[in-house]
Amino acid sequence: MTRQDRQARGEAESSAGADQAQPRPRARDLLAATVQHTLLAGFAAVAAGISAQGLTGFARDNMALAGPWPYLLFFALDGAAGVCAVLLLRRAARAETALAPRLAVWGLVAASAAFNWAHAPHHPAARQAFALMPVIAATLFEFSLRETARQTPPRGGPPGPAAGRAGLAAPDRNHPGAPAPGRRPRPFGRGRHLPGADRARRPAAAPVTPTPPRLR
């Protein structure tokens, strides 16, 4: 077995070992993400229910709305916040910035907290509890959003932590031999010669023997 064959066999065994070890971190990350989103959805549902009590009461007492309008006010505010939250999740999954939807979410959360504060009963810490529920839900959603963005590799850039665990390393652009961005490196082999290969392949020139002088 030649040296090249042993090297190729070692690379194949290392890549096979990496492929076998890869499903375990993926399954662990999937389980952690499932638990995270389940807990987040549960707390968001509780916060939305408490906020619904404050918003509907605020619509009846402070805004003098009757009929279905108090409930429509709650669905309008929380529905708009939900739409912006979905936009944030989609952009985080694509590794894109989303400043406008984030500002809209926090503006709607601040409005909901203010309405809950205004309609909360005058008991010790009741106003703070009503006002903090949407703020805590938005804070937990922000943490989950940042975790999703951290696990997503940017477009056209180096891979994220998930790809780094799989054994992929980002190329060093500062290295003099690194390829330019957006250009695939071309391996040495067929169609490309090593430096000095042409001179090595040229046949050596035959030595010139001196011609002896003619005798007259």
N, C-alpha and C. Protein backbone atom coordinates (compact mmCIF):
# COMPACT_ATOMS: atom_id res chain seq x y z
N MET A 1 0.85 -1.19 0.00
CA MET A 1 0.00 0.00 0.00
C MET A 1 0.89 1.24 0.00
N THR A 2 0.65 2.13 -0.92
CA THR A 2 1.47 3.33 -1.04
C THR A 2 1.06 4.36 0.01
N ARG A 3 1.86 5.42 0.04
CA ARG A 3 1.59 6.47 1.02
C ARG A 3 0.31 7.21 0.70
N GLN A 4 0.05 7.44 -0.60
CA GLN A 4 -1.19 8.12 -0.97
C GLN A 4 -2.42 7.30 -0.63
N ASP A 5 -2.34 5.98 -0.81
CA ASP A 5 -3.47 5.12 -0.45
C ASP A 5 -3.73 5.14 1.04
N ARG A 6 -2.67 5.12 1.85
CA ARG A 6 -2.87 5.17 3.30
C ARG A 6 -3.46 6.51 3.72
N GLN A 7 -3.03 7.61 3.08
CA GLN A 7 -3.57 8.91 3.42
C GLN A 7 -5.04 9.01 3.04
N ALA A 8 -5.41 8.50 1.84
CA ALA A 8 -6.81 8.54 1.43
C ALA A 8 -7.67 7.68 2.33
N ARG A 9 -7.16 6.53 2.77
CA ARG A 9 -7.92 5.67 3.67
C ARG A 9 -8.13 6.33 5.02
N GLY A 10 -7.11 7.03 5.52
CA GLY A 10 -7.26 7.74 6.79
C GLY A 10 -8.28 8.86 6.71
N GLU A 11 -8.27 9.61 5.59
CA GLU A 11 -9.26 10.67 5.43
C GLU A 11 -10.67 10.11 5.34
N ALA A 12 -10.84 8.99 4.64
CA ALA A 12 -12.16 8.37 4.53
C ALA A 12 -12.66 7.89 5.89
N GLU A 13 -11.76 7.31 6.71
CA GLU A 13 -12.18 6.85 8.03
C GLU A 13 -12.53 8.02 8.94
N SER A 14 -11.76 9.12 8.87
CA SER A 14 -12.08 10.28 9.70
C SER A 14 -13.39 10.91 9.31
N SER A 15 -13.68 11.02 7.98
CA SER A 15 -14.95 11.58 7.54
C SER A 15 -16.12 10.68 7.92
N ALA A 16 -15.91 9.36 7.87
CA ALA A 16 -16.98 8.44 8.28
C ALA A 16 -17.25 8.55 9.77
N GLY A 17 -16.19 8.72 10.57
CA GLY A 17 -16.41 8.90 12.00
C GLY A 17 -17.13 10.19 12.32
N ALA A 18 -16.81 11.27 11.56
CA ALA A 18 -17.51 12.54 11.78
C ALA A 18 -18.98 12.42 11.41
N ASP A 19 -19.29 11.68 10.32
CA ASP A 19 -20.67 11.51 9.91
C ASP A 19 -21.45 10.68 10.93
N GLN A 20 -20.79 9.70 11.57
CA GLN A 20 -21.48 8.91 12.56
C GLN A 20 -21.71 9.69 13.85
N ALA A 21 -20.79 10.59 14.20
CA ALA A 21 -20.95 11.38 15.41
C ALA A 21 -21.84 12.59 15.22
N GLN A 22 -22.21 12.89 13.99
CA GLN A 22 -22.99 14.09 13.71
C GLN A 22 -24.45 13.98 14.14
N PRO A 23 -25.16 12.83 13.98
CA PRO A 23 -26.58 12.79 14.35
C PRO A 23 -26.84 13.03 15.82
N ARG A 24 -25.90 12.66 16.72
CA ARG A 24 -26.15 12.84 18.15
C ARG A 24 -26.26 14.31 18.54
N PRO A 25 -25.33 15.22 18.14
CA PRO A 25 -25.55 16.64 18.46
C PRO A 25 -26.79 17.21 17.80
N ARG A 26 -27.12 16.75 16.60
CA ARG A 26 -28.33 17.25 15.95
C ARG A 26 -29.58 16.86 16.73
N ALA A 27 -29.65 15.62 17.19
CA ALA A 27 -30.80 15.18 17.98
C ALA A 27 -30.89 15.93 19.30
N ARG A 28 -29.71 16.20 19.91
CA ARG A 28 -29.71 16.94 21.16
C ARG A 28 -30.20 18.38 20.94
N ASP A 29 -29.73 19.03 19.88
CA ASP A 29 -30.17 20.39 19.58
C ASP A 29 -31.66 20.43 19.25
N LEU A 30 -32.14 19.42 18.53
CA LEU A 30 -33.56 19.38 18.20
C LEU A 30 -34.42 19.22 19.44
N LEU A 31 -33.99 18.38 20.38
CA LEU A 31 -34.74 18.20 21.63
C LEU A 31 -34.73 19.48 22.46
N ALA A 32 -33.56 20.14 22.54
CA ALA A 32 -33.48 21.39 23.31
C ALA A 32 -34.35 22.48 22.68
N ALA A 33 -34.35 22.56 21.35
CA ALA A 33 -35.18 23.57 20.69
C ALA A 33 -36.67 23.29 20.89
N THR A 34 -37.05 22.01 20.89
CA THR A 34 -38.46 21.66 21.11
C THR A 34 -38.91 22.05 22.52
N VAL A 35 -38.08 21.72 23.52
CA VAL A 35 -38.42 22.09 24.90
C VAL A 35 -38.47 23.61 25.06
N GLN A 36 -37.51 24.30 24.45
CA GLN A 36 -37.46 25.76 24.55
C GLN A 36 -38.71 26.40 23.97
N HIS A 37 -39.11 26.00 22.76
CA HIS A 37 -40.27 26.61 22.14
C HIS A 37 -41.57 26.20 22.82
N THR A 38 -41.61 25.00 23.41
CA THR A 38 -42.81 24.60 24.14
C THR A 38 -43.01 25.44 25.40
N LEU A 39 -41.92 25.62 26.16
CA LEU A 39 -42.02 26.47 27.35
C LEU A 39 -42.34 27.92 26.99
N LEU A 40 -41.75 28.40 25.91
CA LEU A 40 -42.03 29.77 25.49
C LEU A 40 -43.49 29.94 25.08
N ALA A 41 -44.03 28.97 24.35
CA ALA A 41 -45.44 29.06 23.93
C ALA A 41 -46.38 28.98 25.13
N GLY A 42 -46.03 28.14 26.12
CA GLY A 42 -46.86 28.05 27.31
C GLY A 42 -46.90 29.34 28.10
N PHE A 43 -45.72 29.94 28.32
CA PHE A 43 -45.71 31.21 29.06
C PHE A 43 -46.37 32.32 28.26
N ALA A 44 -46.19 32.33 26.94
CA ALA A 44 -46.83 33.36 26.12
C ALA A 44 -48.35 33.24 26.18
N ALA A 45 -48.87 32.01 26.24
CA ALA A 45 -50.31 31.82 26.35
C ALA A 45 -50.84 32.34 27.68
N VAL A 46 -50.10 32.08 28.78
CA VAL A 46 -50.51 32.59 30.09
C VAL A 46 -50.46 34.11 30.11
N ALA A 47 -49.38 34.70 29.57
CA ALA A 47 -49.26 36.15 29.54
C ALA A 47 -50.35 36.78 28.67
N ALA A 48 -50.70 36.12 27.55
CA ALA A 48 -51.76 36.65 26.70
C ALA A 48 -53.12 36.60 27.40
N GLY A 49 -53.37 35.53 28.17
CA GLY A 49 -54.63 35.45 28.91
C GLY A 49 -54.75 36.54 29.96
N ILE A 50 -53.67 36.79 30.72
CA ILE A 50 -53.71 37.86 31.73
C ILE A 50 -53.82 39.22 31.06
N SER A 51 -53.10 39.39 29.94
CA SER A 51 -53.19 40.66 29.23
C SER A 51 -54.57 40.88 28.64
N ALA A 52 -55.25 39.80 28.26
CA ALA A 52 -56.61 39.94 27.73
C ALA A 52 -57.55 40.50 28.78
N GLN A 53 -57.36 40.10 30.04
CA GLN A 53 -58.20 40.65 31.11
C GLN A 53 -58.01 42.16 31.24
N GLY A 54 -56.77 42.60 31.19
CA GLY A 54 -56.52 44.02 31.33
C GLY A 54 -56.95 44.83 30.12
N LEU A 55 -56.72 44.29 28.91
CA LEU A 55 -57.06 45.05 27.71
C LEU A 55 -58.56 45.15 27.50
N THR A 56 -59.28 44.07 27.72
CA THR A 56 -60.74 44.14 27.57
C THR A 56 -61.37 45.05 28.62
N GLY A 57 -60.85 44.99 29.85
CA GLY A 57 -61.35 45.90 30.88
C GLY A 57 -61.02 47.36 30.56
N PHE A 58 -59.83 47.59 30.03
CA PHE A 58 -59.46 48.96 29.64
C PHE A 58 -60.37 49.46 28.52
N ALA A 59 -60.70 48.59 27.56
CA ALA A 59 -61.56 49.00 26.45
C ALA A 59 -62.98 49.32 26.94
N ARG A 60 -63.48 48.59 27.94
CA ARG A 60 -64.84 48.85 28.43
C ARG A 60 -64.89 50.10 29.30
N ASP A 61 -63.96 50.20 30.25
CA ASP A 61 -64.04 51.27 31.25
C ASP A 61 -63.42 52.57 30.76
N ASN A 62 -62.25 52.50 30.16
CA ASN A 62 -61.54 53.73 29.77
C ASN A 62 -61.93 54.21 28.38
N MET A 63 -62.21 53.29 27.46
CA MET A 63 -62.55 53.69 26.09
C MET A 63 -64.05 53.63 25.81
N ALA A 64 -64.82 53.12 26.77
CA ALA A 64 -66.28 53.05 26.64
C ALA A 64 -66.70 52.26 25.41
N LEU A 65 -66.03 51.17 25.13
CA LEU A 65 -66.39 50.30 24.02
C LEU A 65 -67.36 49.24 24.51
N ALA A 66 -68.29 48.85 23.65
CA ALA A 66 -69.29 47.85 24.01
C ALA A 66 -69.32 46.76 22.94
N GLY A 67 -70.02 45.67 23.27
CA GLY A 67 -70.15 44.59 22.30
C GLY A 67 -68.84 43.83 22.14
N PRO A 68 -68.53 43.46 20.90
CA PRO A 68 -67.29 42.69 20.67
C PRO A 68 -66.04 43.55 20.59
N TRP A 69 -66.17 44.88 20.64
CA TRP A 69 -65.02 45.74 20.42
C TRP A 69 -63.92 45.60 21.47
N PRO A 70 -64.22 45.40 22.74
CA PRO A 70 -63.11 45.18 23.69
C PRO A 70 -62.25 43.96 23.34
N TYR A 71 -62.90 42.87 22.88
CA TYR A 71 -62.13 41.69 22.48
C TYR A 71 -61.37 41.94 21.18
N LEU A 72 -61.97 42.72 20.28
CA LEU A 72 -61.28 43.04 19.03
C LEU A 72 -60.04 43.88 19.28
N LEU A 73 -60.10 44.74 20.32
CA LEU A 73 -58.91 45.53 20.67
C LEU A 73 -57.78 44.61 21.13
N PHE A 74 -58.12 43.63 21.95
CA PHE A 74 -57.10 42.68 22.41
C PHE A 74 -56.52 41.90 21.24
N PHE A 75 -57.38 41.37 20.37
CA PHE A 75 -56.88 40.58 19.23
C PHE A 75 -56.09 41.45 18.26
N ALA A 76 -56.44 42.73 18.13
CA ALA A 76 -55.69 43.61 17.23
C ALA A 76 -54.27 43.83 17.74
N LEU A 77 -54.14 44.14 19.04
CA LEU A 77 -52.81 44.41 19.59
C LEU A 77 -51.95 43.14 19.61
N ASP A 78 -52.50 42.07 20.18
CA ASP A 78 -51.70 40.84 20.26
C ASP A 78 -51.51 40.20 18.89
N GLY A 79 -52.48 40.35 17.98
CA GLY A 79 -52.31 39.81 16.63
C GLY A 79 -51.22 40.54 15.86
N ALA A 80 -51.17 41.87 16.01
CA ALA A 80 -50.10 42.62 15.35
C ALA A 80 -48.74 42.25 15.91
N ALA A 81 -48.65 42.07 17.23
CA ALA A 81 -47.38 41.63 17.83
C ALA A 81 -47.00 40.23 17.34
N GLY A 82 -48.01 39.36 17.17
CA GLY A 82 -47.72 38.01 16.68
C GLY A 82 -47.21 38.02 15.25
N VAL A 83 -47.78 38.87 14.40
CA VAL A 83 -47.31 38.97 13.01
C VAL A 83 -45.86 39.43 12.97
N CYS A 84 -45.54 40.45 13.74
CA CYS A 84 -44.15 40.93 13.78
C CYS A 84 -43.21 39.88 14.35
N ALA A 85 -43.69 39.09 15.32
CA ALA A 85 -42.85 38.03 15.88
C ALA A 85 -42.56 36.95 14.85
N VAL A 86 -43.55 36.60 14.03
CA VAL A 86 -43.32 35.60 12.97
C VAL A 86 -42.32 36.13 11.95
N LEU A 87 -42.44 37.41 11.60
CA LEU A 87 -41.47 38.00 10.68
C LEU A 87 -40.05 37.96 11.26
N LEU A 88 -39.94 38.22 12.55
CA LEU A 88 -38.63 38.15 13.19
C LEU A 88 -38.06 36.74 13.14
N LEU A 89 -38.90 35.73 13.40
CA LEU A 89 -38.42 34.36 13.35
C LEU A 89 -37.97 33.96 11.95
N ARG A 90 -38.73 34.37 10.94
CA ARG A 90 -38.36 34.02 9.57
C ARG A 90 -37.06 34.68 9.15
N ARG A 91 -36.87 35.93 9.55
CA ARG A 91 -35.62 36.61 9.18
C ARG A 91 -34.44 36.07 9.98
N ALA A 92 -34.69 35.66 11.21
CA ALA A 92 -33.60 35.06 11.99
C ALA A 92 -33.19 33.72 11.40
N ALA A 93 -34.15 32.96 10.87
CA ALA A 93 -33.82 31.68 10.23
C ALA A 93 -33.02 31.88 8.96
N ARG A 94 -33.17 33.06 8.31
CA ARG A 94 -32.39 33.36 7.10
C ARG A 94 -31.16 34.19 7.41
N ALA A 95 -30.87 34.40 8.70
CA ALA A 95 -29.69 35.19 9.13
C ALA A 95 -29.75 36.61 8.56
N GLU A 96 -30.92 37.23 8.63
CA GLU A 96 -31.10 38.59 8.15
C GLU A 96 -31.46 39.50 9.33
N THR A 97 -31.12 40.77 9.20
CA THR A 97 -31.47 41.74 10.24
C THR A 97 -32.93 42.15 10.09
N ALA A 98 -33.56 42.44 11.24
CA ALA A 98 -34.98 42.82 11.23
C ALA A 98 -35.20 43.87 12.30
N LEU A 99 -34.74 45.08 12.03
CA LEU A 99 -34.87 46.15 13.02
C LEU A 99 -36.30 46.67 13.12
N ALA A 100 -36.96 46.86 11.98
CA ALA A 100 -38.32 47.42 11.99
C ALA A 100 -39.32 46.49 12.69
N PRO A 101 -39.38 45.18 12.37
CA PRO A 101 -40.30 44.32 13.12
C PRO A 101 -39.99 44.25 14.61
N ARG A 102 -38.70 44.30 14.97
CA ARG A 102 -38.35 44.25 16.39
C ARG A 102 -38.84 45.51 17.11
N LEU A 103 -38.67 46.66 16.50
CA LEU A 103 -39.18 47.89 17.11
C LEU A 103 -40.70 47.87 17.22
N ALA A 104 -41.37 47.30 16.20
CA ALA A 104 -42.83 47.21 16.25
C ALA A 104 -43.30 46.30 17.38
N VAL A 105 -42.60 45.17 17.57
CA VAL A 105 -42.97 44.25 18.66
C VAL A 105 -42.84 44.95 20.01
N TRP A 106 -41.72 45.62 20.23
CA TRP A 106 -41.53 46.26 21.53
C TRP A 106 -42.47 47.46 21.71
N GLY A 107 -42.84 48.15 20.64
CA GLY A 107 -43.82 49.22 20.76
C GLY A 107 -45.19 48.70 21.15
N LEU A 108 -45.61 47.58 20.53
CA LEU A 108 -46.89 46.98 20.89
C LEU A 108 -46.87 46.42 22.31
N VAL A 109 -45.73 45.85 22.71
CA VAL A 109 -45.62 45.36 24.09
C VAL A 109 -45.71 46.50 25.09
N ALA A 110 -45.06 47.63 24.78
CA ALA A 110 -45.14 48.79 25.67
C ALA A 110 -46.57 49.32 25.77
N ALA A 111 -47.30 49.35 24.65
CA ALA A 111 -48.69 49.80 24.67
C ALA A 111 -49.56 48.86 25.50
N SER A 112 -49.37 47.55 25.32
CA SER A 112 -50.14 46.59 26.11
C SER A 112 -49.84 46.72 27.60
N ALA A 113 -48.56 46.90 27.94
CA ALA A 113 -48.20 47.07 29.35
C ALA A 113 -48.82 48.34 29.94
N ALA A 114 -48.85 49.42 29.17
CA ALA A 114 -49.45 50.67 29.66
C ALA A 114 -50.96 50.51 29.87
N PHE A 115 -51.65 49.83 28.94
CA PHE A 115 -53.09 49.63 29.09
C PHE A 115 -53.40 48.73 30.28
N ASN A 116 -52.59 47.70 30.48
CA ASN A 116 -52.79 46.82 31.64
C ASN A 116 -52.55 47.57 32.95
N TRP A 117 -51.55 48.43 32.96
CA TRP A 117 -51.27 49.24 34.15
C TRP A 117 -52.44 50.16 34.47
N ALA A 118 -53.03 50.75 33.43
CA ALA A 118 -54.13 51.70 33.66
C ALA A 118 -55.38 51.03 34.21
N HIS A 119 -55.62 49.78 33.81
CA HIS A 119 -56.86 49.11 34.24
C HIS A 119 -56.65 48.17 35.41
N ALA A 120 -55.43 47.99 35.90
CA ALA A 120 -55.18 47.05 37.00
C ALA A 120 -55.86 47.53 38.27
N PRO A 121 -56.31 46.60 39.11
CA PRO A 121 -56.94 47.01 40.38
C PRO A 121 -55.93 47.67 41.31
N HIS A 122 -56.42 48.50 42.18
CA HIS A 122 -55.55 49.26 43.08
C HIS A 122 -55.21 48.41 44.31
N HIS A 123 -54.45 47.38 44.07
CA HIS A 123 -53.97 46.51 45.14
C HIS A 123 -52.45 46.53 45.12
N PRO A 124 -51.80 46.13 46.20
CA PRO A 124 -50.33 46.15 46.21
C PRO A 124 -49.74 45.26 45.11
N ALA A 125 -48.88 45.85 44.30
CA ALA A 125 -48.14 45.18 43.22
C ALA A 125 -49.03 44.63 42.12
N ALA A 126 -50.32 44.97 42.09
CA ALA A 126 -51.20 44.46 41.04
C ALA A 126 -50.86 45.12 39.69
N ARG A 127 -50.62 46.42 39.71
CA ARG A 127 -50.29 47.10 38.45
C ARG A 127 -48.97 46.59 37.88
N GLN A 128 -47.99 46.40 38.73
CA GLN A 128 -46.70 45.89 38.23
C GLN A 128 -46.84 44.50 37.64
N ALA A 129 -47.65 43.65 38.27
CA ALA A 129 -47.82 42.28 37.75
C ALA A 129 -48.52 42.30 36.40
N PHE A 130 -49.57 43.11 36.25
CA PHE A 130 -50.29 43.18 34.98
C PHE A 130 -49.39 43.75 33.88
N ALA A 131 -48.60 44.76 34.21
CA ALA A 131 -47.78 45.43 33.20
C ALA A 131 -46.56 44.60 32.80
N LEU A 132 -46.04 43.80 33.74
CA LEU A 132 -44.81 43.05 33.45
C LEU A 132 -45.06 41.77 32.65
N MET A 133 -46.28 41.28 32.61
CA MET A 133 -46.54 40.03 31.90
C MET A 133 -46.16 40.11 30.41
N PRO A 134 -46.64 41.08 29.63
CA PRO A 134 -46.22 41.14 28.23
C PRO A 134 -44.73 41.45 28.06
N VAL A 135 -44.14 42.20 29.00
CA VAL A 135 -42.72 42.51 28.90
C VAL A 135 -41.87 41.26 29.10
N ILE A 136 -42.24 40.42 30.08
CA ILE A 136 -41.49 39.17 30.30
C ILE A 136 -41.62 38.24 29.11
N ALA A 137 -42.83 38.15 28.54
CA ALA A 137 -43.02 37.29 27.36
C ALA A 137 -42.17 37.77 26.19
N ALA A 138 -42.12 39.09 25.97
CA ALA A 138 -41.30 39.62 24.88
C ALA A 138 -39.81 39.41 25.13
N THR A 139 -39.38 39.48 26.39
CA THR A 139 -37.97 39.25 26.71
C THR A 139 -37.58 37.80 26.45
N LEU A 140 -38.43 36.86 26.85
CA LEU A 140 -38.15 35.45 26.57
C LEU A 140 -38.13 35.17 25.07
N PHE A 141 -39.03 35.81 24.34
CA PHE A 141 -39.03 35.64 22.88
C PHE A 141 -37.75 36.21 22.26
N GLU A 142 -37.25 37.30 22.81
CA GLU A 142 -36.00 37.88 22.31
C GLU A 142 -34.82 36.94 22.55
N PHE A 143 -34.78 36.31 23.71
CA PHE A 143 -33.71 35.34 23.98
C PHE A 143 -33.79 34.16 23.00
N SER A 144 -34.99 33.66 22.77
CA SER A 144 -35.16 32.55 21.83
C SER A 144 -34.78 32.96 20.42
N LEU A 145 -35.10 34.18 20.06
CA LEU A 145 -34.77 34.69 18.73
C LEU A 145 -33.26 34.78 18.54
N ARG A 146 -32.55 35.26 19.52
CA ARG A 146 -31.09 35.36 19.42
C ARG A 146 -30.44 33.99 19.36
N GLU A 147 -31.00 33.01 20.07
CA GLU A 147 -30.46 31.66 19.99
C GLU A 147 -30.65 31.09 18.59
N THR A 148 -31.81 31.34 17.98
CA THR A 148 -32.05 30.88 16.62
C THR A 148 -31.09 31.55 15.64
N ALA A 149 -30.87 32.85 15.81
CA ALA A 149 -29.95 33.56 14.92
C ALA A 149 -28.52 33.09 15.11
N ARG A 150 -28.14 32.69 16.33
CA ARG A 150 -26.77 32.23 16.57
C ARG A 150 -26.52 30.87 15.93
N GLN A 151 -27.56 30.03 15.86
CA GLN A 151 -27.41 28.71 15.28
C GLN A 151 -27.50 28.72 13.76
N THR A 152 -27.89 29.84 13.15
CA THR A 152 -28.07 29.92 11.71
C THR A 152 -26.83 30.53 11.09
N PRO A 153 -26.14 29.86 10.14
CA PRO A 153 -24.98 30.47 9.49
C PRO A 153 -25.39 31.59 8.57
N PRO A 154 -24.62 32.68 8.50
CA PRO A 154 -24.96 33.77 7.60
C PRO A 154 -24.79 33.38 6.16
N ARG A 155 -25.53 34.06 5.28
CA ARG A 155 -25.45 33.77 3.85
C ARG A 155 -24.14 34.29 3.28
N GLY A 156 -23.42 33.39 2.59
CA GLY A 156 -22.18 33.78 1.95
C GLY A 156 -21.02 33.96 2.89
N GLY A 157 -21.21 33.63 4.18
CA GLY A 157 -20.15 33.81 5.14
C GLY A 157 -19.70 32.48 5.70
N PRO A 158 -18.88 32.52 6.73
CA PRO A 158 -18.41 31.27 7.32
C PRO A 158 -19.53 30.56 8.03
N PRO A 159 -19.47 29.23 8.14
CA PRO A 159 -20.53 28.48 8.80
C PRO A 159 -20.60 28.81 10.27
N GLY A 160 -21.81 28.59 10.84
CA GLY A 160 -22.04 28.88 12.24
C GLY A 160 -21.57 27.76 13.14
N PRO A 161 -22.00 27.78 14.42
CA PRO A 161 -21.54 26.75 15.35
C PRO A 161 -21.97 25.36 14.94
N ALA A 162 -23.15 25.20 14.31
CA ALA A 162 -23.61 23.87 13.92
C ALA A 162 -22.69 23.27 12.86
N ALA A 163 -22.28 24.09 11.91
CA ALA A 163 -21.36 23.59 10.89
C ALA A 163 -19.97 23.38 11.44
N GLY A 164 -19.57 24.19 12.45
CA GLY A 164 -18.26 24.00 13.04
C GLY A 164 -18.16 22.69 13.79
N ARG A 165 -19.29 22.23 14.42
CA ARG A 165 -19.26 20.95 15.10
C ARG A 165 -19.12 19.81 14.12
N ALA A 166 -19.57 20.01 12.88
CA ALA A 166 -19.48 18.95 11.88
C ALA A 166 -18.07 18.83 11.30
N GLY A 167 -17.15 19.74 11.69
CA GLY A 167 -15.78 19.64 11.23
C GLY A 167 -15.47 20.57 10.09
N LEU A 168 -16.35 21.54 9.80
CA LEU A 168 -16.09 22.48 8.73
C LEU A 168 -15.46 23.72 9.32
N ALA A 169 -14.38 24.18 8.74
CA ALA A 169 -13.67 25.36 9.21
C ALA A 169 -13.72 26.43 8.15
N ALA A 170 -13.84 27.67 8.60
CA ALA A 170 -13.87 28.79 7.66
C ALA A 170 -12.47 29.07 7.15
N PRO A 171 -12.30 29.35 5.86
CA PRO A 171 -10.97 29.63 5.33
C PRO A 171 -10.46 30.97 5.82
N ASP A 172 -9.15 31.05 5.97
CA ASP A 172 -8.51 32.28 6.40
C ASP A 172 -8.30 33.16 5.19
N ARG A 173 -9.06 34.27 5.12
CA ARG A 173 -8.95 35.17 3.98
C ARG A 173 -7.67 35.97 3.98
N ASN A 174 -7.02 36.08 5.18
CA ASN A 174 -5.78 36.85 5.25
C ASN A 174 -4.57 36.05 4.80
N HIS A 175 -4.73 34.76 4.62
CA HIS A 175 -3.60 33.94 4.17
C HIS A 175 -3.28 34.26 2.73
N PRO A 176 -2.00 34.36 2.36
CA PRO A 176 -1.67 34.74 0.97
C PRO A 176 -2.13 33.72 -0.05
N GLY A 177 -2.26 32.46 0.33
CA GLY A 177 -2.69 31.44 -0.63
C GLY A 177 -4.17 31.19 -0.63
N ALA A 178 -4.96 31.96 0.17
CA ALA A 178 -6.40 31.73 0.24
C ALA A 178 -7.06 32.26 -1.01
N PRO A 179 -8.15 31.59 -1.48
CA PRO A 179 -8.85 32.07 -2.67
C PRO A 179 -9.63 33.33 -2.38
N ALA A 180 -9.96 34.06 -3.41
CA ALA A 180 -10.73 35.28 -3.28
C ALA A 180 -12.15 34.94 -2.87
N PRO A 181 -12.89 35.86 -2.18
CA PRO A 181 -14.27 35.57 -1.78
C PRO A 181 -15.14 35.30 -3.00
N GLY A 182 -15.97 34.26 -2.90
CA GLY A 182 -16.86 33.90 -3.99
C GLY A 182 -16.21 33.06 -5.07
N ARG A 183 -14.94 32.67 -4.89
CA ARG A 183 -14.24 31.88 -5.89
C ARG A 183 -13.82 30.56 -5.28
N ARG A 184 -14.18 29.48 -5.94
CA ARG A 184 -13.86 28.16 -5.44
C ARG A 184 -12.38 27.86 -5.64
N PRO A 185 -11.72 27.31 -4.60
CA PRO A 185 -10.31 26.98 -4.77
C PRO A 185 -10.14 25.83 -5.75
N ARG A 186 -9.12 25.92 -6.57
CA ARG A 186 -8.86 24.90 -7.58
C ARG A 186 -7.71 24.05 -7.12
N PRO A 187 -7.94 22.75 -6.90
CA PRO A 187 -6.86 21.91 -6.38
C PRO A 187 -5.79 21.68 -7.42
N PHE A 188 -4.60 21.36 -6.92
CA PHE A 188 -3.52 21.00 -7.82
C PHE A 188 -3.81 19.62 -8.40
N GLY A 189 -3.64 19.48 -9.64
CA GLY A 189 -3.93 18.19 -10.27
C GLY A 189 -4.06 18.39 -11.76
N ARG A 190 -5.06 17.72 -12.34
CA ARG A 190 -5.27 17.79 -13.78
C ARG A 190 -5.71 19.21 -14.16
N GLY A 191 -5.11 19.77 -15.13
CA GLY A 191 -5.46 21.10 -15.61
C GLY A 191 -4.71 22.21 -14.92
N ARG A 192 -3.88 21.88 -13.90
CA ARG A 192 -3.11 22.92 -13.21
C ARG A 192 -1.77 22.35 -12.83
N HIS A 193 -0.73 23.10 -13.06
CA HIS A 193 0.64 22.61 -12.85
C HIS A 193 1.21 23.27 -11.61
N LEU A 194 2.05 22.53 -10.95
CA LEU A 194 2.77 23.08 -9.82
C LEU A 194 3.81 24.08 -10.30
N PRO A 195 4.18 25.03 -9.44
CA PRO A 195 5.23 25.96 -9.84
C PRO A 195 6.53 25.23 -10.12
N GLY A 196 7.09 25.51 -11.28
CA GLY A 196 8.34 24.88 -11.66
C GLY A 196 8.17 23.51 -12.29
N ALA A 197 6.89 23.08 -12.50
CA ALA A 197 6.68 21.74 -13.06
C ALA A 197 7.10 21.70 -14.53
N ASP A 198 6.88 22.82 -15.27
CA ASP A 198 7.26 22.84 -16.68
C ASP A 198 8.78 22.69 -16.85
N ARG A 199 9.51 23.35 -15.97
CA ARG A 199 10.97 23.23 -16.08
C ARG A 199 11.44 21.84 -15.70
N ALA A 200 10.67 21.22 -14.75
CA ALA A 200 11.09 19.86 -14.36
C ALA A 200 10.78 18.85 -15.44
N ARG A 201 9.73 19.10 -16.25
CA ARG A 201 9.36 18.15 -17.29
C ARG A 201 10.19 18.29 -18.56
N ARG A 202 10.84 19.42 -18.74
CA ARG A 202 11.62 19.61 -19.96
C ARG A 202 12.84 18.68 -19.95
N PRO A 203 13.12 18.07 -21.06
CA PRO A 203 14.31 17.20 -21.09
C PRO A 203 15.58 18.04 -20.99
N ALA A 204 16.51 17.47 -20.33
CA ALA A 204 17.78 18.19 -20.14
C ALA A 204 18.51 18.31 -21.48
N ALA A 205 19.12 19.45 -21.68
CA ALA A 205 19.86 19.69 -22.94
C ALA A 205 21.11 18.81 -23.00
N ALA A 206 21.37 18.30 -24.20
CA ALA A 206 22.55 17.44 -24.38
C ALA A 206 23.83 18.26 -24.23
N PRO A 207 24.82 17.71 -23.57
CA PRO A 207 26.07 18.48 -23.40
C PRO A 207 26.76 18.71 -24.75
N VAL A 208 27.28 19.86 -24.90
CA VAL A 208 27.96 20.24 -26.15
C VAL A 208 29.43 19.84 -26.04
N THR A 209 29.84 18.99 -26.94
CA THR A 209 31.26 18.55 -26.94
C THR A 209 32.06 19.46 -27.87
N PRO A 210 33.19 19.92 -27.44
CA PRO A 210 34.00 20.82 -28.30
C PRO A 210 34.55 20.06 -29.52
N THR A 211 34.57 20.72 -30.65
CA THR A 211 35.09 20.12 -31.88
C THR A 211 36.61 20.29 -31.91
N PRO A 212 37.35 19.19 -32.11
CA PRO A 212 38.83 19.34 -32.12
C PRO A 212 39.28 20.11 -33.36
N PRO A 213 40.29 20.88 -33.26
CA PRO A 213 40.79 21.66 -34.40
C PRO A 213 41.34 20.74 -35.50
N ARG A 214 41.14 21.13 -36.75
CA ARG A 214 41.64 20.36 -37.89
C ARG A 214 43.16 20.60 -38.08
N LEU A 215 43.80 19.53 -38.41
CA LEU A 215 45.25 19.62 -38.65
C LEU A 215 45.48 19.84 -40.15
N ARG A 216 46.24 20.80 -40.44
CA ARG A 216 46.57 21.05 -41.86
C ARG A 216 47.87 20.39 -42.24
